[in-house]
Amino acid sequence: MNQIEAIRELQEYDHCFLSPKGVKKLGEPFGVYQTVIARDNRSEFKGLNLGKDNKEGDTAEGLPAHILAELICKKLGVDYPSMHGIGSQLRACCEAVEKQLTK
C-alpha cells in the first residue's frame, strides 16, 4: 500500500477506532505507529464506540482514526485546520495530506 492509498482508506474510517493491525497497515507507509488503551464510553455525547464486540466500559488497544491522521500530518509537516468534531478532523487531516502528496 502506498501513501495515497493509505490516506484515502484512512479517510473512510469516520468515527472509527482502529485495531493495532489497522494502525500498522495505514500508518506504515508514513512511518507512523502508536496505540493507546481506550475505554468504550458510547453513551456519552460524542463518546467512543469500540465496536460490536465491546460494551460500555470495555477497553481495547488501538487508535482513533482521526488521531492517526493527525500523527501523519505532524510526521509529514503538513498543516491542517483544527476542527471540533472527530469526523471533520479526520477529513481535514486526510485532505491536507492528500493535497501535499499530489502536488
PDB file of N, CA and C in Angstrom:
ATOM      1  N   MET A   1       0.856  -1.177   0.000  1.00  0.00           N
ATOM      2  CA  MET A   1       0.000   0.000   0.000  1.00  0.00           C
ATOM      3  C   MET A   1       0.899   1.237   0.000  1.00  0.00           C
ATOM      4  N   ASN A   2       0.612   2.169  -0.919  1.00  0.00           N
ATOM      5  CA  ASN A   2       1.393   3.399  -0.934  1.00  0.00           C
ATOM      6  C   ASN A   2       0.698   4.465  -0.070  1.00  0.00           C
ATOM      7  N   GLN A   3       1.318   5.637   0.032  1.00  0.00           N
ATOM      8  CA  GLN A   3       0.790   6.682   0.909  1.00  0.00           C
ATOM      9  C   GLN A   3      -0.572   7.203   0.454  1.00  0.00           C
ATOM     10  N   ILE A   4      -0.751   7.392  -0.842  1.00  0.00           N
ATOM     11  CA  ILE A   4      -2.038   7.884  -1.350  1.00  0.00           C
ATOM     12  C   ILE A   4      -3.146   6.885  -1.024  1.00  0.00           C
ATOM     13  N   GLU A   5      -2.902   5.617  -1.278  1.00  0.00           N
ATOM     14  CA  GLU A   5      -3.899   4.583  -0.985  1.00  0.00           C
ATOM     15  C   GLU A   5      -4.218   4.558   0.503  1.00  0.00           C
ATOM     16  N   ALA A   6      -3.189   4.673   1.333  1.00  0.00           N
ATOM     17  CA  ALA A   6      -3.377   4.620   2.787  1.00  0.00           C
ATOM     18  C   ALA A   6      -4.204   5.798   3.281  1.00  0.00           C
ATOM     19  N   ILE A   7      -3.897   7.012   2.827  1.00  0.00           N
ATOM     20  CA  ILE A   7      -4.625   8.177   3.336  1.00  0.00           C
ATOM     21  C   ILE A   7      -6.065   8.179   2.829  1.00  0.00           C
ATOM     22  N   ARG A   8      -6.287   7.689   1.624  1.00  0.00           N
ATOM     23  CA  ARG A   8      -7.655   7.603   1.104  1.00  0.00           C
ATOM     24  C   ARG A   8      -8.470   6.564   1.870  1.00  0.00           C
ATOM     25  N   GLU A   9      -7.837   5.447   2.216  1.00  0.00           N
ATOM     26  CA  GLU A   9      -8.550   4.443   3.006  1.00  0.00           C
ATOM     27  C   GLU A   9      -8.815   4.959   4.413  1.00  0.00           C
ATOM     28  N   LEU A  10      -7.824   5.599   5.015  1.00  0.00           N
ATOM     29  CA  LEU A  10      -7.991   6.137   6.367  1.00  0.00           C
ATOM     30  C   LEU A  10      -9.165   7.109   6.419  1.00  0.00           C
ATOM     31  N   GLN A  11      -9.346   7.910   5.384  1.00  0.00           N
ATOM     32  CA  GLN A  11     -10.432   8.885   5.370  1.00  0.00           C
ATOM     33  C   GLN A  11     -11.807   8.217   5.442  1.00  0.00           C
ATOM     34  N   GLU A  12     -11.893   6.961   5.068  1.00  0.00           N
ATOM     35  CA  GLU A  12     -13.165   6.231   5.104  1.00  0.00           C
ATOM     36  C   GLU A  12     -13.544   5.761   6.523  1.00  0.00           C
ATOM     37  N   TYR A  13     -12.625   5.845   7.475  1.00  0.00           N
ATOM     38  CA  TYR A  13     -12.864   5.323   8.820  1.00  0.00           C
ATOM     39  C   TYR A  13     -13.354   6.411   9.773  1.00  0.00           C
ATOM     40  N   ASP A  14     -14.397   7.104   9.346  1.00  0.00           N
ATOM     41  CA  ASP A  14     -15.007   8.181  10.110  1.00  0.00           C
ATOM     42  C   ASP A  14     -15.533   7.655  11.451  1.00  0.00           C
ATOM     43  N   HIS A  15     -15.101   8.245  12.541  1.00  0.00           N
ATOM     44  CA  HIS A  15     -15.507   7.889  13.904  1.00  0.00           C
ATOM     45  C   HIS A  15     -15.107   6.456  14.284  1.00  0.00           C
ATOM     46  N   CYS A  16     -14.098   5.918  13.648  1.00  0.00           N
ATOM     47  CA  CYS A  16     -13.685   4.531  13.921  1.00  0.00           C
ATOM     48  C   CYS A  16     -12.491   4.462  14.859  1.00  0.00           C
ATOM     49  N   PHE A  17     -12.451   3.374  15.581  1.00  0.00           N
ATOM     50  CA  PHE A  17     -11.317   3.026  16.434  1.00  0.00           C
ATOM     51  C   PHE A  17     -10.593   1.888  15.733  1.00  0.00           C
ATOM     52  N   LEU A  18      -9.352   2.123  15.357  1.00  0.00           N
ATOM     53  CA  LEU A  18      -8.567   1.147  14.604  1.00  0.00           C
ATOM     54  C   LEU A  18      -7.843   0.189  15.540  1.00  0.00           C
ATOM     55  N   SER A  19      -7.823  -1.066  15.178  1.00  0.00           N
ATOM     56  CA  SER A  19      -7.062  -2.067  15.920  1.00  0.00           C
ATOM     57  C   SER A  19      -5.577  -1.818  15.680  1.00  0.00           C
ATOM     58  N   PRO A  20      -4.687  -2.407  16.498  1.00  0.00           N
ATOM     59  CA  PRO A  20      -3.256  -2.274  16.227  1.00  0.00           C
ATOM     60  C   PRO A  20      -2.892  -2.692  14.801  1.00  0.00           C
ATOM     61  N   LYS A  21      -3.543  -3.733  14.298  1.00  0.00           N
ATOM     62  CA  LYS A  21      -3.298  -4.182  12.919  1.00  0.00           C
ATOM     63  C   LYS A  21      -3.691  -3.096  11.917  1.00  0.00           C
ATOM     64  N   GLY A  22      -4.822  -2.446  12.132  1.00  0.00           N
ATOM     65  CA  GLY A  22      -5.260  -1.366  11.257  1.00  0.00           C
ATOM     66  C   GLY A  22      -4.341  -0.161  11.319  1.00  0.00           C
ATOM     67  N   VAL A  23      -3.887   0.177  12.527  1.00  0.00           N
ATOM     68  CA  VAL A  23      -2.953   1.294  12.696  1.00  0.00           C
ATOM     69  C   VAL A  23      -1.668   1.002  11.930  1.00  0.00           C
ATOM     70  N   LYS A  24      -1.189  -0.221  12.041  1.00  0.00           N
ATOM     71  CA  LYS A  24       0.050  -0.590  11.346  1.00  0.00           C
ATOM     72  C   LYS A  24      -0.136  -0.511   9.835  1.00  0.00           C
ATOM     73  N   LYS A  25      -1.226  -1.066   9.339  1.00  0.00           N
ATOM     74  CA  LYS A  25      -1.491  -1.086   7.893  1.00  0.00           C
ATOM     75  C   LYS A  25      -1.536   0.327   7.312  1.00  0.00           C
ATOM     76  N   LEU A  26      -2.264   1.224   7.964  1.00  0.00           N
ATOM     77  CA  LEU A  26      -2.467   2.564   7.424  1.00  0.00           C
ATOM     78  C   LEU A  26      -1.356   3.542   7.801  1.00  0.00           C
ATOM     79  N   GLY A  27      -0.679   3.292   8.895  1.00  0.00           N
ATOM     80  CA  GLY A  27       0.395   4.185   9.324  1.00  0.00           C
ATOM     81  C   GLY A  27       1.758   3.828   8.766  1.00  0.00           C
ATOM     82  N   GLU A  28       1.953   2.561   8.433  1.00  0.00           N
ATOM     83  CA  GLU A  28       3.258   2.086   7.971  1.00  0.00           C
ATOM     84  C   GLU A  28       3.802   2.847   6.754  1.00  0.00           C
ATOM     85  N   PRO A  29       2.975   3.164   5.748  1.00  0.00           N
ATOM     86  CA  PRO A  29       3.518   3.907   4.611  1.00  0.00           C
ATOM     87  C   PRO A  29       4.106   5.278   4.992  1.00  0.00           C
ATOM     88  N   PHE A  30       3.735   5.774   6.157  1.00  0.00           N
ATOM     89  CA  PHE A  30       4.210   7.073   6.626  1.00  0.00           C
ATOM     90  C   PHE A  30       5.231   6.943   7.761  1.00  0.00           C
ATOM     91  N   GLY A  31       5.512   5.723   8.179  1.00  0.00           N
ATOM     92  CA  GLY A  31       6.433   5.521   9.294  1.00  0.00           C
ATOM     93  C   GLY A  31       5.828   5.921  10.625  1.00  0.00           C
ATOM     94  N   VAL A  32       4.501   5.767  10.749  1.00  0.00           N
ATOM     95  CA  VAL A  32       3.786   6.169  11.961  1.00  0.00           C
ATOM     96  C   VAL A  32       3.134   4.947  12.594  1.00  0.00           C
ATOM     97  N   TYR A  33       3.349   4.783  13.893  1.00  0.00           N
ATOM     98  CA  TYR A  33       2.656   3.723  14.631  1.00  0.00           C
ATOM     99  C   TYR A  33       2.567   4.144  16.087  1.00  0.00           C
ATOM    100  N   GLN A  34       1.356   4.125  16.596  1.00  0.00           N
ATOM    101  CA  GLN A  34       1.118   4.423  18.014  1.00  0.00           C
ATOM    102  C   GLN A  34      -0.225   3.826  18.388  1.00  0.00           C
ATOM    103  N   THR A  35      -0.320   3.257  19.570  1.00  0.00           N
ATOM    104  CA  THR A  35      -1.605   2.784  20.071  1.00  0.00           C
ATOM    105  C   THR A  35      -1.801   3.285  21.495  1.00  0.00           C
ATOM    106  N   VAL A  36      -3.046   3.242  21.933  1.00  0.00           N
ATOM    107  CA  VAL A  36      -3.420   3.593  23.300  1.00  0.00           C
ATOM    108  C   VAL A  36      -4.422   2.551  23.779  1.00  0.00           C
ATOM    109  N   ILE A  37      -4.663   2.547  25.050  1.00  0.00           N
ATOM    110  CA  ILE A  37      -5.758   1.745  25.606  1.00  0.00           C
ATOM    111  C   ILE A  37      -6.926   2.700  25.795  1.00  0.00           C
ATOM    112  N   ALA A  38      -8.025   2.423  25.130  1.00  0.00           N
ATOM    113  CA  ALA A  38      -9.196   3.303  25.172  1.00  0.00           C
ATOM    114  C   ALA A  38     -10.368   2.593  25.834  1.00  0.00           C
ATOM    115  N   ARG A  39     -11.248   3.380  26.427  1.00  0.00           N
ATOM    116  CA  ARG A  39     -12.440   2.866  27.096  1.00  0.00           C
ATOM    117  C   ARG A  39     -13.672   3.212  26.268  1.00  0.00           C
ATOM    118  N   ASP A  40     -14.547   2.238  26.104  1.00  0.00           N
ATOM    119  CA  ASP A  40     -15.815   2.449  25.403  1.00  0.00           C
ATOM    120  C   ASP A  40     -16.712   3.313  26.288  1.00  0.00           C
ATOM    121  N   ASN A  41     -17.058   4.494  25.785  1.00  0.00           N
ATOM    122  CA  ASN A  41     -17.959   5.395  26.518  1.00  0.00           C
ATOM    123  C   ASN A  41     -19.051   5.876  25.574  1.00  0.00           C
ATOM    124  N   ARG A  42     -19.603   4.932  24.847  1.00  0.00           N
ATOM    125  CA  ARG A  42     -20.569   5.219  23.777  1.00  0.00           C
ATOM    126  C   ARG A  42     -21.794   5.978  24.236  1.00  0.00           C
ATOM    127  N   SER A  43     -22.152   5.912  25.528  1.00  0.00           N
ATOM    128  CA  SER A  43     -23.351   6.606  25.990  1.00  0.00           C
ATOM    129  C   SER A  43     -23.101   8.100  26.227  1.00  0.00           C
ATOM    130  N   GLU A  44     -21.846   8.522  26.249  1.00  0.00           N
ATOM    131  CA  GLU A  44     -21.528   9.937  26.429  1.00  0.00           C
ATOM    132  C   GLU A  44     -21.662  10.671  25.102  1.00  0.00           C
ATOM    133  N   PHE A  45     -21.927  11.964  25.171  1.00  0.00           N
ATOM    134  CA  PHE A  45     -22.025  12.785  23.959  1.00  0.00           C
ATOM    135  C   PHE A  45     -20.716  12.688  23.200  1.00  0.00           C
ATOM    136  N   LYS A  46     -20.787  12.301  21.939  1.00  0.00           N
ATOM    137  CA  LYS A  46     -19.616  12.103  21.071  1.00  0.00           C
ATOM    138  C   LYS A  46     -18.654  11.082  21.661  1.00  0.00           C
ATOM    139  N   GLY A  47     -19.189  10.114  22.402  1.00  0.00           N
ATOM    140  CA  GLY A  47     -18.366   9.080  23.022  1.00  0.00           C
ATOM    141  C   GLY A  47     -17.783   8.113  22.010  1.00  0.00           C
ATOM    142  N   LEU A  48     -16.845   7.321  22.472  1.00  0.00           N
ATOM    143  CA  LEU A  48     -16.151   6.354  21.635  1.00  0.00           C
ATOM    144  C   LEU A  48     -16.831   4.998  21.717  1.00  0.00           C
ATOM    145  N   ASN A  49     -17.144   4.440  20.567  1.00  0.00           N
ATOM    146  CA  ASN A  49     -17.735   3.112  20.466  1.00  0.00           C
ATOM    147  C   ASN A  49     -16.656   2.184  19.924  1.00  0.00           C
ATOM    148  N   LEU A  50     -16.248   1.209  20.717  1.00  0.00           N
ATOM    149  CA  LEU A  50     -15.172   0.304  20.319  1.00  0.00           C
ATOM    150  C   LEU A  50     -15.634  -0.830  19.415  1.00  0.00           C
ATOM    151  N   GLY A  51     -16.906  -0.843  19.076  1.00  0.00           N
ATOM    152  CA  GLY A  51     -17.397  -1.844  18.130  1.00  0.00           C
ATOM    153  C   GLY A  51     -18.348  -2.837  18.751  1.00  0.00           C
ATOM    154  N   LYS A  52     -18.924  -3.658  17.884  1.00  0.00           N
ATOM    155  CA  LYS A  52     -19.988  -4.581  18.290  1.00  0.00           C
ATOM    156  C   LYS A  52     -19.528  -5.653  19.266  1.00  0.00           C
ATOM    157  N   ASP A  53     -18.241  -5.958  19.307  1.00  0.00           N
ATOM    158  CA  ASP A  53     -17.741  -6.982  20.221  1.00  0.00           C
ATOM    159  C   ASP A  53     -17.459  -6.433  21.610  1.00  0.00           C
ATOM    160  N   ASN A  54     -17.679  -5.139  21.809  1.00  0.00           N
ATOM    161  CA  ASN A  54     -17.426  -4.498  23.103  1.00  0.00           C
ATOM    162  C   ASN A  54     -18.700  -3.863  23.624  1.00  0.00           C
ATOM    163  N   LYS A  55     -18.698  -3.600  24.936  1.00  0.00           N
ATOM    164  CA  LYS A  55     -19.830  -2.915  25.551  1.00  0.00           C
ATOM    165  C   LYS A  55     -19.299  -1.734  26.356  1.00  0.00           C
ATOM    166  N   GLU A  56     -20.201  -0.889  26.795  1.00  0.00           N
ATOM    167  CA  GLU A  56     -19.837   0.283  27.588  1.00  0.00           C
ATOM    168  C   GLU A  56     -18.894  -0.116  28.722  1.00  0.00           C
ATOM    169  N   GLY A  57     -17.778   0.603  28.841  1.00  0.00           N
ATOM    170  CA  GLY A  57     -16.811   0.355  29.905  1.00  0.00           C
ATOM    171  C   GLY A  57     -15.673  -0.567  29.510  1.00  0.00           C
ATOM    172  N   ASP A  58     -15.826  -1.344  28.437  1.00  0.00           N
ATOM    173  CA  ASP A  58     -14.734  -2.217  27.974  1.00  0.00           C
ATOM    174  C   ASP A  58     -13.561  -1.367  27.490  1.00  0.00           C
ATOM    175  N   THR A  59     -12.382  -1.959  27.497  1.00  0.00           N
ATOM    176  CA  THR A  59     -11.209  -1.284  26.969  1.00  0.00           C
ATOM    177  C   THR A  59     -10.618  -2.110  25.830  1.00  0.00           C
ATOM    178  N   ALA A  60      -9.886  -1.419  24.965  1.00  0.00           N
ATOM    179  CA  ALA A  60      -9.232  -2.090  23.842  1.00  0.00           C
ATOM    180  C   ALA A  60      -8.007  -1.281  23.443  1.00  0.00           C
ATOM    181  N   GLU A  61      -7.045  -1.964  22.828  1.00  0.00           N
ATOM    182  CA  GLU A  61      -5.850  -1.298  22.320  1.00  0.00           C
ATOM    183  C   GLU A  61      -6.081  -0.917  20.865  1.00  0.00           C
ATOM    184  N   GLY A  62      -5.615   0.243  20.490  1.00  0.00           N
ATOM    185  CA  GLY A  62      -5.720   0.715  19.116  1.00  0.00           C
ATOM    186  C   GLY A  62      -5.563   2.221  19.095  1.00  0.00           C
ATOM    187  N   LEU A  63      -6.201   2.855  18.109  1.00  0.00           N
ATOM    188  CA  LEU A  63      -6.101   4.308  17.988  1.00  0.00           C
ATOM    189  C   LEU A  63      -7.300   4.829  17.195  1.00  0.00           C
ATOM    190  N   PRO A  64      -7.914   5.925  17.655  1.00  0.00           N
ATOM    191  CA  PRO A  64      -8.970   6.530  16.861  1.00  0.00           C
ATOM    192  C   PRO A  64      -8.397   6.994  15.513  1.00  0.00           C
ATOM    193  N   ALA A  65      -9.168   6.827  14.454  1.00  0.00           N
ATOM    194  CA  ALA A  65      -8.698   7.157  13.099  1.00  0.00           C
ATOM    195  C   ALA A  65      -8.260   8.614  12.984  1.00  0.00           C
ATOM    196  N   HIS A  66      -8.982   9.529  13.618  1.00  0.00           N
ATOM    197  CA  HIS A  66      -8.610  10.944  13.485  1.00  0.00           C
ATOM    198  C   HIS A  66      -7.273  11.240  14.155  1.00  0.00           C
ATOM    199  N   ILE A  67      -6.927  10.508  15.192  1.00  0.00           N
ATOM    200  CA  ILE A  67      -5.628  10.704  15.851  1.00  0.00           C
ATOM    201  C   ILE A  67      -4.508  10.206  14.944  1.00  0.00           C
ATOM    202  N   LEU A  68      -4.717   9.058  14.282  1.00  0.00           N
ATOM    203  CA  LEU A  68      -3.717   8.574  13.334  1.00  0.00           C
ATOM    204  C   LEU A  68      -3.510   9.598  12.221  1.00  0.00           C
ATOM    205  N   ALA A  69      -4.595  10.175  11.722  1.00  0.00           N
ATOM    206  CA  ALA A  69      -4.488  11.196  10.674  1.00  0.00           C
ATOM    207  C   ALA A  69      -3.671  12.395  11.162  1.00  0.00           C
ATOM    208  N   GLU A  70      -3.905  12.831  12.398  1.00  0.00           N
ATOM    209  CA  GLU A  70      -3.142  13.951  12.954  1.00  0.00           C
ATOM    210  C   GLU A  70      -1.667  13.593  13.095  1.00  0.00           C
ATOM    211  N   LEU A  71      -1.369  12.375  13.518  1.00  0.00           N
ATOM    212  CA  LEU A  71       0.027  11.942  13.642  1.00  0.00           C
ATOM    213  C   LEU A  71       0.723  11.937  12.281  1.00  0.00           C
ATOM    214  N   ILE A  72       0.007  11.509  11.253  1.00  0.00           N
ATOM    215  CA  ILE A  72       0.562  11.504   9.894  1.00  0.00           C
ATOM    216  C   ILE A  72       0.853  12.940   9.448  1.00  0.00           C
ATOM    217  N   CYS A  73      -0.081  13.846   9.683  1.00  0.00           N
ATOM    218  CA  CYS A  73       0.144  15.255   9.340  1.00  0.00           C
ATOM    219  C   CYS A  73       1.390  15.795  10.032  1.00  0.00           C
ATOM    220  N   LYS A  74       1.497  15.526  11.308  1.00  0.00           N
ATOM    221  CA  LYS A  74       2.649  16.023  12.067  1.00  0.00           C
ATOM    222  C   LYS A  74       3.949  15.424  11.553  1.00  0.00           C
ATOM    223  N   LYS A  75       3.951  14.135  11.256  1.00  0.00           N
ATOM    224  CA  LYS A  75       5.153  13.468  10.742  1.00  0.00           C
ATOM    225  C   LYS A  75       5.598  14.085   9.419  1.00  0.00           C
ATOM    226  N   LEU A  76       4.632  14.412   8.550  1.00  0.00           N
ATOM    227  CA  LEU A  76       4.944  14.976   7.235  1.00  0.00           C
ATOM    228  C   LEU A  76       5.114  16.498   7.262  1.00  0.00           C
ATOM    229  N   GLY A  77       4.811  17.122   8.401  1.00  0.00           N
ATOM    230  CA  GLY A  77       4.896  18.577   8.492  1.00  0.00           C
ATOM    231  C   GLY A  77       3.796  19.283   7.713  1.00  0.00           C
ATOM    232  N   VAL A  78       2.638  18.641   7.616  1.00  0.00           N
ATOM    233  CA  VAL A  78       1.507  19.183   6.873  1.00  0.00           C
ATOM    234  C   VAL A  78       0.588  19.941   7.825  1.00  0.00           C
ATOM    235  N   ASP A  79       0.332  21.203   7.506  1.00  0.00           N
ATOM    236  CA  ASP A  79      -0.616  21.991   8.299  1.00  0.00           C
ATOM    237  C   ASP A  79      -2.037  21.580   7.943  1.00  0.00           C
ATOM    238  N   TYR A  80      -2.913  21.613   8.946  1.00  0.00           N
ATOM    239  CA  TYR A  80      -4.316  21.256   8.744  1.00  0.00           C
ATOM    240  C   TYR A  80      -5.160  22.082   9.705  1.00  0.00           C
ATOM    241  N   PRO A  81      -6.392  22.375   9.320  1.00  0.00           N
ATOM    242  CA  PRO A  81      -7.249  23.171  10.206  1.00  0.00           C
ATOM    243  C   PRO A  81      -7.727  22.344  11.399  1.00  0.00           C
ATOM    244  N   SER A  82      -7.875  22.997  12.523  1.00  0.00           N
ATOM    245  CA  SER A  82      -8.409  22.346  13.717  1.00  0.00           C
ATOM    246  C   SER A  82      -9.934  22.362  13.644  1.00  0.00           C
ATOM    247  N   MET A  83     -10.529  21.199  13.809  1.00  0.00           N
ATOM    248  CA  MET A  83     -11.982  21.071  13.714  1.00  0.00           C
ATOM    249  C   MET A  83     -12.541  20.590  15.056  1.00  0.00           C
ATOM    250  N   HIS A  84     -13.836  20.840  15.301  1.00  0.00           N
ATOM    251  CA  HIS A  84     -14.456  20.439  16.564  1.00  0.00           C
ATOM    252  C   HIS A  84     -14.826  18.959  16.584  1.00  0.00           C
ATOM    253  N   GLY A  85     -15.415  18.454  15.533  1.00  0.00           N
ATOM    254  CA  GLY A  85     -15.850  17.057  15.505  1.00  0.00           C
ATOM    255  C   GLY A  85     -14.732  16.144  15.015  1.00  0.00           C
ATOM    256  N   ILE A  86     -14.733  14.893  15.503  1.00  0.00           N
ATOM    257  CA  ILE A  86     -13.663  13.986  15.112  1.00  0.00           C
ATOM    258  C   ILE A  86     -13.776  13.555  13.650  1.00  0.00           C
ATOM    259  N   GLY A  87     -14.978  13.475  13.121  1.00  0.00           N
ATOM    260  CA  GLY A  87     -15.140  13.148  11.707  1.00  0.00           C
ATOM    261  C   GLY A  87     -14.618  14.269  10.825  1.00  0.00           C
ATOM    262  N   SER A  88     -14.935  15.499  11.210  1.00  0.00           N
ATOM    263  CA  SER A  88     -14.438  16.668  10.475  1.00  0.00           C
ATOM    264  C   SER A  88     -12.923  16.757  10.570  1.00  0.00           C
ATOM    265  N   GLN A  89     -12.384  16.435  11.747  1.00  0.00           N
ATOM    266  CA  GLN A  89     -10.937  16.492  11.924  1.00  0.00           C
ATOM    267  C   GLN A  89     -10.239  15.450  11.054  1.00  0.00           C
ATOM    268  N   LEU A  90     -10.801  14.241  11.009  1.00  0.00           N
ATOM    269  CA  LEU A  90     -10.241  13.185  10.162  1.00  0.00           C
ATOM    270  C   LEU A  90     -10.202  13.644   8.704  1.00  0.00           C
ATOM    271  N   ARG A  91     -11.314  14.167   8.209  1.00  0.00           N
ATOM    272  CA  ARG A  91     -11.370  14.606   6.807  1.00  0.00           C
ATOM    273  C   ARG A  91     -10.394  15.742   6.537  1.00  0.00           C
ATOM    274  N   ALA A  92     -10.313  16.705   7.443  1.00  0.00           N
ATOM    275  CA  ALA A  92      -9.412  17.846   7.251  1.00  0.00           C
ATOM    276  C   ALA A  92      -7.955  17.389   7.167  1.00  0.00           C
ATOM    277  N   CYS A  93      -7.563  16.495   8.055  1.00  0.00           N
ATOM    278  CA  CYS A  93      -6.181  15.992   8.046  1.00  0.00           C
ATOM    279  C   CYS A  93      -5.899  15.184   6.781  1.00  0.00           C
ATOM    280  N   CYS A  94      -6.792  14.269   6.451  1.00  0.00           N
ATOM    281  CA  CYS A  94      -6.586  13.423   5.273  1.00  0.00           C
ATOM    282  C   CYS A  94      -6.547  14.242   3.995  1.00  0.00           C
ATOM    283  N   GLU A  95      -7.424  15.236   3.886  1.00  0.00           N
ATOM    284  CA  GLU A  95      -7.434  16.090   2.697  1.00  0.00           C
ATOM    285  C   GLU A  95      -6.135  16.890   2.596  1.00  0.00           C
ATOM    286  N   ALA A  96      -5.628  17.380   3.720  1.00  0.00           N
ATOM    287  CA  ALA A  96      -4.370  18.138   3.706  1.00  0.00           C
ATOM    288  C   ALA A  96      -3.199  17.253   3.286  1.00  0.00           C
ATOM    289  N   VAL A  97      -3.170  16.018   3.780  1.00  0.00           N
ATOM    290  CA  VAL A  97      -2.093  15.086   3.402  1.00  0.00           C
ATOM    291  C   VAL A  97      -2.197  14.742   1.918  1.00  0.00           C
ATOM    292  N   GLU A  98      -3.400  14.425   1.458  1.00  0.00           N
ATOM    293  CA  GLU A  98      -3.558  14.056   0.048  1.00  0.00           C
ATOM    294  C   GLU A  98      -3.164  15.223  -0.858  1.00  0.00           C
ATOM    295  N   LYS A  99      -3.534  16.430  -0.479  1.00  0.00           N
ATOM    296  CA  LYS A  99      -3.149  17.599  -1.277  1.00  0.00           C
ATOM    297  C   LYS A  99      -1.629  17.721  -1.353  1.00  0.00           C
ATOM    298  N   GLN A 100      -0.967  17.508  -0.241  1.00  0.00           N
ATOM    299  CA  GLN A 100       0.501  17.586  -0.198  1.00  0.00           C
ATOM    300  C   GLN A 100       1.123  16.482  -1.070  1.00  0.00           C
ATOM    301  N   LEU A 101       0.569  15.290  -1.006  1.00  0.00           N
ATOM    302  CA  LEU A 101       1.142  14.166  -1.744  1.00  0.00           C
ATOM    303  C   LEU A 101       0.915  14.257  -3.242  1.00  0.00           C
ATOM    304  N   THR A 102      -0.117  14.976  -3.670  1.00  0.00           N
ATOM    305  CA  THR A 102      -0.435  15.046  -5.092  1.00  0.00           C
ATOM    306  C   THR A 102       0.035  16.338  -5.753  1.00  0.00           C
ATOM    307  N   LYS A 103       0.832  17.114  -5.052  1.00  0.00           N
ATOM    308  CA  LYS A 103       1.377  18.357  -5.630  1.00  0.00           C
ATOM    309  C   LYS A 103       2.280  18.035  -6.805  1.00  0.00           C
TER     310      LYS A 103
END
